[in-house]
Amino acid sequence: MVSAMRLMIPVLLGGLAACTPLPDLDLPLDPVAGRDSASIPGLVPLDGLLALAAAQEDAAAGGGPRDTAAPAARMTALNARAARLRKATVIDAPSRARLLRGVAVPALQ
């Protein structure tokens, strides 16, 4: 009975909202109206943008070959940290036992 009442409340509120008229918004029909074509950016292929971004990144990094030692050292440090975290105890023994017992769900009425 209670769950049916809870279900009816959103249904009734949705029905009331559906009956209200939409507000009149004074929006232009054409968003580009009144602008000259020079102010609208043109579409550019993605490949060209990616190549430009890669060239700018290489220029900012010095243009030479990339240093691979720093990522390898970081990966080694992250793997060591992961190994330490795997060995660490996160949940104490009483809490772990309580969690493993599970939740007793009473029979549905």
PDB file of N, CA and C in Angstrom:
ATOM      1  N   MET A   1       0.825  -1.186   0.000  1.00  0.00           N
ATOM      2  CA  MET A   1       0.000   0.000   0.000  1.00  0.00           C
ATOM      3  C   MET A   1       0.875   1.257   0.000  1.00  0.00           C
ATOM      4  N   VAL A   2       1.889   1.243   0.876  1.00  0.00           N
ATOM      5  CA  VAL A   2       2.754   2.415   0.978  1.00  0.00           C
ATOM      6  C   VAL A   2       3.579   2.584  -0.292  1.00  0.00           C
ATOM      7  N   SER A   3       4.077   1.467  -0.842  1.00  0.00           N
ATOM      8  CA  SER A   3       4.886   1.580  -2.057  1.00  0.00           C
ATOM      9  C   SER A   3       4.045   2.052  -3.239  1.00  0.00           C
ATOM     10  N   ALA A   4       2.758   1.682  -3.277  1.00  0.00           N
ATOM     11  CA  ALA A   4       1.880   2.147  -4.353  1.00  0.00           C
ATOM     12  C   ALA A   4       1.660   3.652  -4.236  1.00  0.00           C
ATOM     13  N   MET A   5       1.549   4.135  -2.998  1.00  0.00           N
ATOM     14  CA  MET A   5       1.378   5.577  -2.791  1.00  0.00           C
ATOM     15  C   MET A   5       2.637   6.333  -3.208  1.00  0.00           C
ATOM     16  N   ARG A   6       3.797   5.753  -2.889  1.00  0.00           N
ATOM     17  CA  ARG A   6       5.049   6.403  -3.275  1.00  0.00           C
ATOM     18  C   ARG A   6       5.211   6.427  -4.780  1.00  0.00           C
ATOM     19  N   LEU A   7       4.689   5.426  -5.451  1.00  0.00           N
ATOM     20  CA  LEU A   7       4.766   5.380  -6.908  1.00  0.00           C
ATOM     21  C   LEU A   7       3.804   6.377  -7.539  1.00  0.00           C
ATOM     22  N   MET A   8       2.662   6.594  -6.899  1.00  0.00           N
ATOM     23  CA  MET A   8       1.664   7.496  -7.472  1.00  0.00           C
ATOM     24  C   MET A   8       2.099   8.953  -7.393  1.00  0.00           C
ATOM     25  N   ILE A   9       2.893   9.314  -6.401  1.00  0.00           N
ATOM     26  CA  ILE A   9       3.299  10.711  -6.254  1.00  0.00           C
ATOM     27  C   ILE A   9       4.094  11.194  -7.467  1.00  0.00           C
ATOM     28  N   PRO A  10       5.164  10.492  -7.911  1.00  0.00           N
ATOM     29  CA  PRO A  10       5.873  10.981  -9.105  1.00  0.00           C
ATOM     30  C   PRO A  10       5.005  10.938 -10.364  1.00  0.00           C
ATOM     31  N   VAL A  11       4.113   9.951 -10.451  1.00  0.00           N
ATOM     32  CA  VAL A  11       3.253   9.867 -11.627  1.00  0.00           C
ATOM     33  C   VAL A  11       2.328  11.072 -11.679  1.00  0.00           C
ATOM     34  N   LEU A  12       1.725  11.425 -10.547  1.00  0.00           N
ATOM     35  CA  LEU A  12       0.836  12.580 -10.511  1.00  0.00           C
ATOM     36  C   LEU A  12       1.595  13.875 -10.772  1.00  0.00           C
ATOM     37  N   LEU A  13       2.778  14.020 -10.187  1.00  0.00           N
ATOM     38  CA  LEU A  13       3.567  15.225 -10.434  1.00  0.00           C
ATOM     39  C   LEU A  13       3.993  15.316 -11.899  1.00  0.00           C
ATOM     40  N   GLY A  14       4.336  14.184 -12.486  1.00  0.00           N
ATOM     41  CA  GLY A  14       4.680  14.178 -13.909  1.00  0.00           C
ATOM     42  C   GLY A  14       3.490  14.542 -14.771  1.00  0.00           C
ATOM     43  N   GLY A  15       2.304  14.069 -14.391  1.00  0.00           N
ATOM     44  CA  GLY A  15       1.097  14.413 -15.141  1.00  0.00           C
ATOM     45  C   GLY A  15       0.780  15.890 -15.047  1.00  0.00           C
ATOM     46  N   LEU A  16       0.955  16.462 -13.859  1.00  0.00           N
ATOM     47  CA  LEU A  16       0.719  17.896 -13.707  1.00  0.00           C
ATOM     48  C   LEU A  16       1.724  18.700 -14.515  1.00  0.00           C
ATOM     49  N   ALA A  17       2.949  18.268 -14.532  1.00  0.00           N
ATOM     50  CA  ALA A  17       3.968  18.993 -15.300  1.00  0.00           C
ATOM     51  C   ALA A  17       3.697  18.896 -16.794  1.00  0.00           C
ATOM     52  N   ALA A  18       3.132  17.789 -17.238  1.00  0.00           N
ATOM     53  CA  ALA A  18       2.845  17.625 -18.664  1.00  0.00           C
ATOM     54  C   ALA A  18       1.691  18.522 -19.104  1.00  0.00           C
ATOM     55  N   CYS A  19       0.834  18.921 -18.174  1.00  0.00           N
ATOM     56  CA  CYS A  19      -0.322  19.754 -18.521  1.00  0.00           C
ATOM     57  C   CYS A  19       0.011  21.235 -18.584  1.00  0.00           C
ATOM     58  N   THR A  20       1.144  21.634 -18.077  1.00  0.00           N
ATOM     59  CA  THR A  20       1.477  23.058 -18.076  1.00  0.00           C
ATOM     60  C   THR A  20       1.976  23.465 -19.451  1.00  0.00           C
ATOM     61  N   PRO A  21       1.623  24.676 -19.881  1.00  0.00           N
ATOM     62  CA  PRO A  21       2.110  25.136 -21.189  1.00  0.00           C
ATOM     63  C   PRO A  21       3.585  25.502 -21.094  1.00  0.00           C
ATOM     64  N   LEU A  22       4.281  25.344 -22.198  1.00  0.00           N
ATOM     65  CA  LEU A  22       5.694  25.700 -22.246  1.00  0.00           C
ATOM     66  C   LEU A  22       5.838  27.217 -22.242  1.00  0.00           C
ATOM     67  N   PRO A  23       6.841  27.748 -21.578  1.00  0.00           N
ATOM     68  CA  PRO A  23       7.022  29.207 -21.572  1.00  0.00           C
ATOM     69  C   PRO A  23       7.472  29.697 -22.948  1.00  0.00           C
ATOM     70  N   ASP A  24       7.081  30.923 -23.252  1.00  0.00           N
ATOM     71  CA  ASP A  24       7.503  31.529 -24.514  1.00  0.00           C
ATOM     72  C   ASP A  24       8.911  32.071 -24.347  1.00  0.00           C
ATOM     73  N   LEU A  25       9.829  31.503 -25.074  1.00  0.00           N
ATOM     74  CA  LEU A  25      11.209  31.945 -25.027  1.00  0.00           C
ATOM     75  C   LEU A  25      11.496  32.786 -26.256  1.00  0.00           C
ATOM     76  N   ASP A  26      12.066  33.934 -26.044  1.00  0.00           N
ATOM     77  CA  ASP A  26      12.387  34.821 -27.159  1.00  0.00           C
ATOM     78  C   ASP A  26      13.776  34.498 -27.687  1.00  0.00           C
ATOM     79  N   LEU A  27      13.892  33.352 -28.299  1.00  0.00           N
ATOM     80  CA  LEU A  27      15.158  32.938 -28.874  1.00  0.00           C
ATOM     81  C   LEU A  27      15.125  33.148 -30.374  1.00  0.00           C
ATOM     82  N   PRO A  28      16.243  33.531 -30.958  1.00  0.00           N
ATOM     83  CA  PRO A  28      16.246  33.684 -32.419  1.00  0.00           C
ATOM     84  C   PRO A  28      16.116  32.316 -33.087  1.00  0.00           C
ATOM     85  N   LEU A  29      15.405  32.298 -34.201  1.00  0.00           N
ATOM     86  CA  LEU A  29      15.238  31.054 -34.935  1.00  0.00           C
ATOM     87  C   LEU A  29      16.545  30.609 -35.579  1.00  0.00           C
ATOM     88  N   ASP A  30      17.308  31.560 -36.044  1.00  0.00           N
ATOM     89  CA  ASP A  30      18.583  31.252 -36.679  1.00  0.00           C
ATOM     90  C   ASP A  30      19.703  31.791 -35.802  1.00  0.00           C
ATOM     91  N   PRO A  31      20.520  30.917 -35.177  1.00  0.00           N
ATOM     92  CA  PRO A  31      21.558  31.419 -34.274  1.00  0.00           C
ATOM     93  C   PRO A  31      22.647  32.209 -34.980  1.00  0.00           C
ATOM     94  N   VAL A  32      22.730  32.102 -36.288  1.00  0.00           N
ATOM     95  CA  VAL A  32      23.777  32.786 -37.033  1.00  0.00           C
ATOM     96  C   VAL A  32      23.260  34.098 -37.626  1.00  0.00           C
ATOM     97  N   ALA A  33      21.980  34.374 -37.427  1.00  0.00           N
ATOM     98  CA  ALA A  33      21.392  35.569 -38.025  1.00  0.00           C
ATOM     99  C   ALA A  33      22.101  36.813 -37.491  1.00  0.00           C
ATOM    100  N   GLY A  34      22.410  37.712 -38.365  1.00  0.00           N
ATOM    101  CA  GLY A  34      23.047  38.950 -37.974  1.00  0.00           C
ATOM    102  C   GLY A  34      24.561  38.869 -37.906  1.00  0.00           C
ATOM    103  N   ARG A  35      25.152  37.741 -38.174  1.00  0.00           N
ATOM    104  CA  ARG A  35      26.615  37.610 -38.149  1.00  0.00           C
ATOM    105  C   ARG A  35      27.134  37.539 -39.576  1.00  0.00           C
ATOM    106  N   ASP A  36      28.319  38.052 -39.746  1.00  0.00           N
ATOM    107  CA  ASP A  36      28.933  37.889 -41.065  1.00  0.00           C
ATOM    108  C   ASP A  36      29.637  36.529 -41.111  1.00  0.00           C
ATOM    109  N   SER A  37      29.844  36.008 -42.287  1.00  0.00           N
ATOM    110  CA  SER A  37      30.395  34.667 -42.435  1.00  0.00           C
ATOM    111  C   SER A  37      31.847  34.576 -41.989  1.00  0.00           C
ATOM    112  N   ALA A  38      32.534  35.696 -41.843  1.00  0.00           N
ATOM    113  CA  ALA A  38      33.934  35.666 -41.423  1.00  0.00           C
ATOM    114  C   ALA A  38      34.063  35.327 -39.937  1.00  0.00           C
ATOM    115  N   SER A  39      33.036  35.601 -39.134  1.00  0.00           N
ATOM    116  CA  SER A  39      33.134  35.344 -37.693  1.00  0.00           C
ATOM    117  C   SER A  39      32.801  33.897 -37.334  1.00  0.00           C
ATOM    118  N   ILE A  40      32.316  33.125 -38.299  1.00  0.00           N
ATOM    119  CA  ILE A  40      31.969  31.731 -38.037  1.00  0.00           C
ATOM    120  C   ILE A  40      33.170  30.863 -38.375  1.00  0.00           C
ATOM    121  N   PRO A  41      33.672  30.066 -37.412  1.00  0.00           N
ATOM    122  CA  PRO A  41      34.829  29.224 -37.721  1.00  0.00           C
ATOM    123  C   PRO A  41      34.454  28.118 -38.703  1.00  0.00           C
ATOM    124  N   GLY A  42      35.384  27.782 -39.562  1.00  0.00           N
ATOM    125  CA  GLY A  42      35.155  26.727 -40.538  1.00  0.00           C
ATOM    126  C   GLY A  42      35.516  25.365 -39.972  1.00  0.00           C
ATOM    127  N   LEU A  43      35.059  24.330 -40.620  1.00  0.00           N
ATOM    128  CA  LEU A  43      35.369  22.969 -40.203  1.00  0.00           C
ATOM    129  C   LEU A  43      36.740  22.582 -40.745  1.00  0.00           C
ATOM    130  N   VAL A  44      37.538  21.950 -39.889  1.00  0.00           N
ATOM    131  CA  VAL A  44      38.896  21.565 -40.255  1.00  0.00           C
ATOM    132  C   VAL A  44      39.027  20.067 -40.020  1.00  0.00           C
ATOM    133  N   PRO A  45      39.697  19.332 -40.908  1.00  0.00           N
ATOM    134  CA  PRO A  45      39.881  17.897 -40.682  1.00  0.00           C
ATOM    135  C   PRO A  45      40.671  17.643 -39.392  1.00  0.00           C
ATOM    136  N   LEU A  46      40.316  16.588 -38.686  1.00  0.00           N
ATOM    137  CA  LEU A  46      40.931  16.263 -37.403  1.00  0.00           C
ATOM    138  C   LEU A  46      42.394  15.864 -37.560  1.00  0.00           C
ATOM    139  N   ASP A  47      42.744  15.210 -38.646  1.00  0.00           N
ATOM    140  CA  ASP A  47      44.132  14.780 -38.857  1.00  0.00           C
ATOM    141  C   ASP A  47      45.092  15.964 -38.847  1.00  0.00           C
ATOM    142  N   GLY A  48      44.700  17.040 -39.496  1.00  0.00           N
ATOM    143  CA  GLY A  48      45.548  18.230 -39.532  1.00  0.00           C
ATOM    144  C   GLY A  48      45.729  18.827 -38.151  1.00  0.00           C
ATOM    145  N   LEU A  49      44.656  18.856 -37.357  1.00  0.00           N
ATOM    146  CA  LEU A  49      44.755  19.400 -36.001  1.00  0.00           C
ATOM    147  C   LEU A  49      45.647  18.539 -35.119  1.00  0.00           C
ATOM    148  N   LEU A  50      45.534  17.221 -35.258  1.00  0.00           N
ATOM    149  CA  LEU A  50      46.374  16.325 -34.462  1.00  0.00           C
ATOM    150  C   LEU A  50      47.840  16.464 -34.839  1.00  0.00           C
ATOM    151  N   ALA A  51      48.124  16.599 -36.130  1.00  0.00           N
ATOM    152  CA  ALA A  51      49.507  16.779 -36.571  1.00  0.00           C
ATOM    153  C   ALA A  51      50.063  18.104 -36.064  1.00  0.00           C
ATOM    154  N   LEU A  52      49.241  19.158 -36.078  1.00  0.00           N
ATOM    155  CA  LEU A  52      49.663  20.459 -35.584  1.00  0.00           C
ATOM    156  C   LEU A  52      49.939  20.398 -34.084  1.00  0.00           C
ATOM    157  N   ALA A  53      49.076  19.711 -33.325  1.00  0.00           N
ATOM    158  CA  ALA A  53      49.270  19.587 -31.880  1.00  0.00           C
ATOM    159  C   ALA A  53      50.540  18.789 -31.574  1.00  0.00           C
ATOM    160  N   ALA A  54      50.794  17.721 -32.322  1.00  0.00           N
ATOM    161  CA  ALA A  54      52.007  16.926 -32.108  1.00  0.00           C
ATOM    162  C   ALA A  54      53.250  17.746 -32.418  1.00  0.00           C
ATOM    163  N   ALA A  55      53.207  18.553 -33.480  1.00  0.00           N
ATOM    164  CA  ALA A  55      54.352  19.384 -33.840  1.00  0.00           C
ATOM    165  C   ALA A  55      54.607  20.435 -32.770  1.00  0.00           C
ATOM    166  N   GLN A  56      53.543  21.031 -32.224  1.00  0.00           N
ATOM    167  CA  GLN A  56      53.708  22.035 -31.178  1.00  0.00           C
ATOM    168  C   GLN A  56      54.235  21.393 -29.894  1.00  0.00           C
ATOM    169  N   GLU A  57      53.801  20.186 -29.588  1.00  0.00           N
ATOM    170  CA  GLU A  57      54.278  19.480 -28.396  1.00  0.00           C
ATOM    171  C   GLU A  57      55.768  19.149 -28.538  1.00  0.00           C
ATOM    172  N   ASP A  58      56.162  18.692 -29.734  1.00  0.00           N
ATOM    173  CA  ASP A  58      57.581  18.390 -29.963  1.00  0.00           C
ATOM    174  C   ASP A  58      58.429  19.654 -29.877  1.00  0.00           C
ATOM    175  N   ALA A  59      57.915  20.762 -30.400  1.00  0.00           N
ATOM    176  CA  ALA A  59      58.660  22.017 -30.351  1.00  0.00           C
ATOM    177  C   ALA A  59      58.802  22.489 -28.908  1.00  0.00           C
ATOM    178  N   ALA A  60      57.769  22.300 -28.103  1.00  0.00           N
ATOM    179  CA  ALA A  60      57.834  22.720 -26.698  1.00  0.00           C
ATOM    180  C   ALA A  60      58.783  21.831 -25.905  1.00  0.00           C
ATOM    181  N   ALA A  61      58.903  20.562 -26.306  1.00  0.00           N
ATOM    182  CA  ALA A  61      59.778  19.629 -25.597  1.00  0.00           C
ATOM    183  C   ALA A  61      61.224  19.726 -26.068  1.00  0.00           C
ATOM    184  N   GLY A  62      61.506  20.556 -27.014  1.00  0.00           N
ATOM    185  CA  GLY A  62      62.880  20.700 -27.496  1.00  0.00           C
ATOM    186  C   GLY A  62      63.084  20.094 -28.866  1.00  0.00           C
ATOM    187  N   GLY A  63      62.114  19.413 -29.379  1.00  0.00           N
ATOM    188  CA  GLY A  63      62.182  18.883 -30.729  1.00  0.00           C
ATOM    189  C   GLY A  63      63.003  17.636 -30.883  1.00  0.00           C
ATOM    190  N   GLY A  64      63.707  17.206 -29.851  1.00  0.00           N
ATOM    191  CA  GLY A  64      64.544  16.023 -29.957  1.00  0.00           C
ATOM    192  C   GLY A  64      63.764  14.773 -29.617  1.00  0.00           C
ATOM    193  N   PRO A  65      64.475  13.661 -29.576  1.00  0.00           N
ATOM    194  CA  PRO A  65      63.787  12.422 -29.205  1.00  0.00           C
ATOM    195  C   PRO A  65      63.298  12.497 -27.764  1.00  0.00           C
ATOM    196  N   ARG A  66      62.213  11.844 -27.516  1.00  0.00           N
ATOM    197  CA  ARG A  66      61.608  11.901 -26.184  1.00  0.00           C
ATOM    198  C   ARG A  66      62.386  11.044 -25.201  1.00  0.00           C
ATOM    199  N   ASP A  67      62.393  11.510 -23.949  1.00  0.00           N
ATOM    200  CA  ASP A  67      63.072  10.797 -22.878  1.00  0.00           C
ATOM    201  C   ASP A  67      62.182   9.651 -22.417  1.00  0.00           C
ATOM    202  N   THR A  68      62.690   8.429 -22.530  1.00  0.00           N
ATOM    203  CA  THR A  68      61.897   7.265 -22.120  1.00  0.00           C
ATOM    204  C   THR A  68      62.275   6.777 -20.734  1.00  0.00           C
ATOM    205  N   ALA A  69      63.304   7.360 -20.122  1.00  0.00           N
ATOM    206  CA  ALA A  69      63.724   6.910 -18.790  1.00  0.00           C
ATOM    207  C   ALA A  69      62.746   7.353 -17.718  1.00  0.00           C
ATOM    208  N   ALA A  70      62.194   8.556 -17.834  1.00  0.00           N
ATOM    209  CA  ALA A  70      61.279   9.063 -16.812  1.00  0.00           C
ATOM    210  C   ALA A  70      60.007   8.222 -16.735  1.00  0.00           C
ATOM    211  N   PRO A  71      59.336   7.896 -17.845  1.00  0.00           N
ATOM    212  CA  PRO A  71      58.156   7.044 -17.728  1.00  0.00           C
ATOM    213  C   PRO A  71      58.481   5.652 -17.198  1.00  0.00           C
ATOM    214  N   ALA A  72      59.637   5.095 -17.565  1.00  0.00           N
ATOM    215  CA  ALA A  72      60.011   3.762 -17.080  1.00  0.00           C
ATOM    216  C   ALA A  72      60.249   3.794 -15.577  1.00  0.00           C
ATOM    217  N   ALA A  73      60.891   4.856 -15.079  1.00  0.00           N
ATOM    218  CA  ALA A  73      61.127   4.980 -13.638  1.00  0.00           C
ATOM    219  C   ALA A  73      59.809   5.153 -12.894  1.00  0.00           C
ATOM    220  N   ARG A  74      58.910   5.934 -13.470  1.00  0.00           N
ATOM    221  CA  ARG A  74      57.593   6.128 -12.834  1.00  0.00           C
ATOM    222  C   ARG A  74      56.816   4.823 -12.796  1.00  0.00           C
ATOM    223  N   MET A  75      56.881   4.042 -13.883  1.00  0.00           N
ATOM    224  CA  MET A  75      56.183   2.763 -13.927  1.00  0.00           C
ATOM    225  C   MET A  75      56.737   1.810 -12.873  1.00  0.00           C
ATOM    226  N   THR A  76      58.054   1.802 -12.696  1.00  0.00           N
ATOM    227  CA  THR A  76      58.668   0.952 -11.682  1.00  0.00           C
ATOM    228  C   THR A  76      58.211   1.370 -10.287  1.00  0.00           C
ATOM    229  N   ALA A  77      58.170   2.679 -10.035  1.00  0.00           N
ATOM    230  CA  ALA A  77      57.720   3.177  -8.733  1.00  0.00           C
ATOM    231  C   ALA A  77      56.255   2.832  -8.493  1.00  0.00           C
ATOM    232  N   LEU A  78      55.425   2.953  -9.517  1.00  0.00           N
ATOM    233  CA  LEU A  78      54.001   2.619  -9.371  1.00  0.00           C
ATOM    234  C   LEU A  78      53.794   1.132  -9.134  1.00  0.00           C
ATOM    235  N   ASN A  79      54.570   0.287  -9.806  1.00  0.00           N
ATOM    236  CA  ASN A  79      54.470  -1.158  -9.576  1.00  0.00           C
ATOM    237  C   ASN A  79      54.885  -1.520  -8.159  1.00  0.00           C
ATOM    238  N   ALA A  80      55.937  -0.860  -7.639  1.00  0.00           N
ATOM    239  CA  ALA A  80      56.375  -1.120  -6.261  1.00  0.00           C
ATOM    240  C   ALA A  80      55.305  -0.674  -5.276  1.00  0.00           C
ATOM    241  N   ARG A  81      54.683   0.461  -5.540  1.00  0.00           N
ATOM    242  CA  ARG A  81      53.609   0.941  -4.671  1.00  0.00           C
ATOM    243  C   ARG A  81      52.418  -0.009  -4.702  1.00  0.00           C
ATOM    244  N   ALA A  82      52.070  -0.521  -5.874  1.00  0.00           N
ATOM    245  CA  ALA A  82      50.963  -1.467  -5.998  1.00  0.00           C
ATOM    246  C   ALA A  82      51.258  -2.741  -5.219  1.00  0.00           C
ATOM    247  N   ALA A  83      52.500  -3.200  -5.266  1.00  0.00           N
ATOM    248  CA  ALA A  83      52.875  -4.407  -4.513  1.00  0.00           C
ATOM    249  C   ALA A  83      52.740  -4.174  -3.014  1.00  0.00           C
ATOM    250  N   ARG A  84      53.141  -2.974  -2.531  1.00  0.00           N
ATOM    251  CA  ARG A  84      52.986  -2.657  -1.106  1.00  0.00           C
ATOM    252  C   ARG A  84      51.519  -2.600  -0.721  1.00  0.00           C
ATOM    253  N   LEU A  85      50.685  -2.016  -1.582  1.00  0.00           N
ATOM    254  CA  LEU A  85      49.256  -1.911  -1.280  1.00  0.00           C
ATOM    255  C   LEU A  85      48.578  -3.280  -1.263  1.00  0.00           C
ATOM    256  N   ARG A  86      49.035  -4.193  -2.119  1.00  0.00           N
ATOM    257  CA  ARG A  86      48.453  -5.538  -2.127  1.00  0.00           C
ATOM    258  C   ARG A  86      48.720  -6.276  -0.819  1.00  0.00           C
ATOM    259  N   LYS A  87      49.872  -5.997  -0.197  1.00  0.00           N
ATOM    260  CA  LYS A  87      50.239  -6.673   1.042  1.00  0.00           C
ATOM    261  C   LYS A  87      49.604  -6.027   2.273  1.00  0.00           C
ATOM    262  N   ALA A  88      49.167  -4.784   2.157  1.00  0.00           N
ATOM    263  CA  ALA A  88      48.646  -4.043   3.305  1.00  0.00           C
ATOM    264  C   ALA A  88      47.271  -4.575   3.720  1.00  0.00           C
ATOM    265  N   THR A  89      47.004  -4.502   5.014  1.00  0.00           N
ATOM    266  CA  THR A  89      45.703  -4.888   5.551  1.00  0.00           C
ATOM    267  C   THR A  89      44.803  -3.664   5.535  1.00  0.00           C
ATOM    268  N   VAL A  90      43.710  -3.773   4.848  1.00  0.00           N
ATOM    269  CA  VAL A  90      42.805  -2.638   4.721  1.00  0.00           C
ATOM    270  C   VAL A  90      41.671  -2.750   5.738  1.00  0.00           C
ATOM    271  N   ILE A  91      41.156  -3.959   5.930  1.00  0.00           N
ATOM    272  CA  ILE A  91      40.031  -4.182   6.836  1.00  0.00           C
ATOM    273  C   ILE A  91      40.525  -5.042   7.993  1.00  0.00           C
ATOM    274  N   ASP A  92      40.229  -4.587   9.223  1.00  0.00           N
ATOM    275  CA  ASP A  92      40.665  -5.370  10.387  1.00  0.00           C
ATOM    276  C   ASP A  92      39.861  -6.672  10.468  1.00  0.00           C
ATOM    277  N   ALA A  93      40.358  -7.627  11.260  1.00  0.00           N
ATOM    278  CA  ALA A  93      39.781  -8.978  11.308  1.00  0.00           C
ATOM    279  C   ALA A  93      38.322  -8.997  11.748  1.00  0.00           C
ATOM    280  N   PRO A  94      37.896  -8.267  12.803  1.00  0.00           N
ATOM    281  CA  PRO A  94      36.473  -8.304  13.181  1.00  0.00           C
ATOM    282  C   PRO A  94      35.558  -7.759  12.082  1.00  0.00           C
ATOM    283  N   SER A  95      35.987  -6.689  11.419  1.00  0.00           N
ATOM    284  CA  SER A  95      35.160  -6.127  10.339  1.00  0.00           C
ATOM    285  C   SER A  95      35.088  -7.094   9.167  1.00  0.00           C
ATOM    286  N   ARG A  96      36.199  -7.743   8.828  1.00  0.00           N
ATOM    287  CA  ARG A  96      36.202  -8.713   7.733  1.00  0.00           C
ATOM    288  C   ARG A  96      35.260  -9.875   8.039  1.00  0.00           C
ATOM    289  N   ALA A  97      35.267 -10.372   9.289  1.00  0.00           N
ATOM    290  CA  ALA A  97      34.377 -11.475   9.668  1.00  0.00           C
ATOM    291  C   ALA A  97      32.921 -11.055   9.561  1.00  0.00           C
ATOM    292  N   ARG A  98      32.621  -9.826   9.990  1.00  0.00           N
ATOM    293  CA  ARG A  98      31.243  -9.330   9.906  1.00  0.00           C
ATOM    294  C   ARG A  98      30.807  -9.203   8.447  1.00  0.00           C
ATOM    295  N   LEU A  99      31.698  -8.724   7.586  1.00  0.00           N
ATOM    296  CA  LEU A  99      31.364  -8.597   6.168  1.00  0.00           C
ATOM    297  C   LEU A  99      31.160  -9.958   5.507  1.00  0.00           C
ATOM    298  N   LEU A 100      31.973 -10.935   5.900  1.00  0.00           N
ATOM    299  CA  LEU A 100      31.857 -12.258   5.298  1.00  0.00           C
ATOM    300  C   LEU A 100      30.577 -12.976   5.735  1.00  0.00           C
ATOM    301  N   ARG A 101      30.055 -12.634   6.919  1.00  0.00           N
ATOM    302  CA  ARG A 101      28.779 -13.228   7.353  1.00  0.00           C
ATOM    303  C   ARG A 101      27.643 -12.806   6.437  1.00  0.00           C
ATOM    304  N   GLY A 102      27.733 -11.637   5.876  1.00  0.00           N
ATOM    305  CA  GLY A 102      26.702 -11.178   4.963  1.00  0.00           C
ATOM    306  C   GLY A 102      25.568 -10.487   5.691  1.00  0.00           C
ATOM    307  N   VAL A 103      24.530 -10.194   4.950  1.00  0.00           N
ATOM    308  CA  VAL A 103      23.368  -9.503   5.477  1.00  0.00           C
ATOM    309  C   VAL A 103      22.215 -10.464   5.531  1.00  0.00           C
ATOM    310  N   ALA A 104      21.560 -10.543   6.669  1.00  0.00           N
ATOM    311  CA  ALA A 104      20.382 -11.398   6.814  1.00  0.00           C
ATOM    312  C   ALA A 104      19.177 -10.656   6.283  1.00  0.00           C
ATOM    313  N   VAL A 105      18.581 -11.168   5.229  1.00  0.00           N
ATOM    314  CA  VAL A 105      17.405 -10.533   4.643  1.00  0.00           C
ATOM    315  C   VAL A 105      16.168 -11.254   5.158  1.00  0.00           C
ATOM    316  N   PRO A 106      15.286 -10.560   5.865  1.00  0.00           N
ATOM    317  CA  PRO A 106      14.077 -11.226   6.347  1.00  0.00           C
ATOM    318  C   PRO A 106      13.188 -11.597   5.167  1.00  0.00           C
ATOM    319  N   ALA A 107      12.380 -12.623   5.377  1.00  0.00           N
ATOM    320  CA  ALA A 107      11.478 -13.080   4.317  1.00  0.00           C
ATOM    321  C   ALA A 107      10.496 -11.969   3.975  1.00  0.00           C
ATOM    322  N   LEU A 108      10.209 -11.842   2.712  1.00  0.00           N
ATOM    323  CA  LEU A 108       9.260 -10.823   2.276  1.00  0.00           C
ATOM    324  C   LEU A 108       7.864 -11.163   2.767  1.00  0.00           C
ATOM    325  N   GLN A 109       7.138 -10.172   3.133  1.00  0.00           N
ATOM    326  CA  GLN A 109       5.786 -10.401   3.674  1.00  0.00           C
ATOM    327  C   GLN A 109       4.769 -10.436   2.569  1.00  0.00           C
TER     328      GLN A 109
END
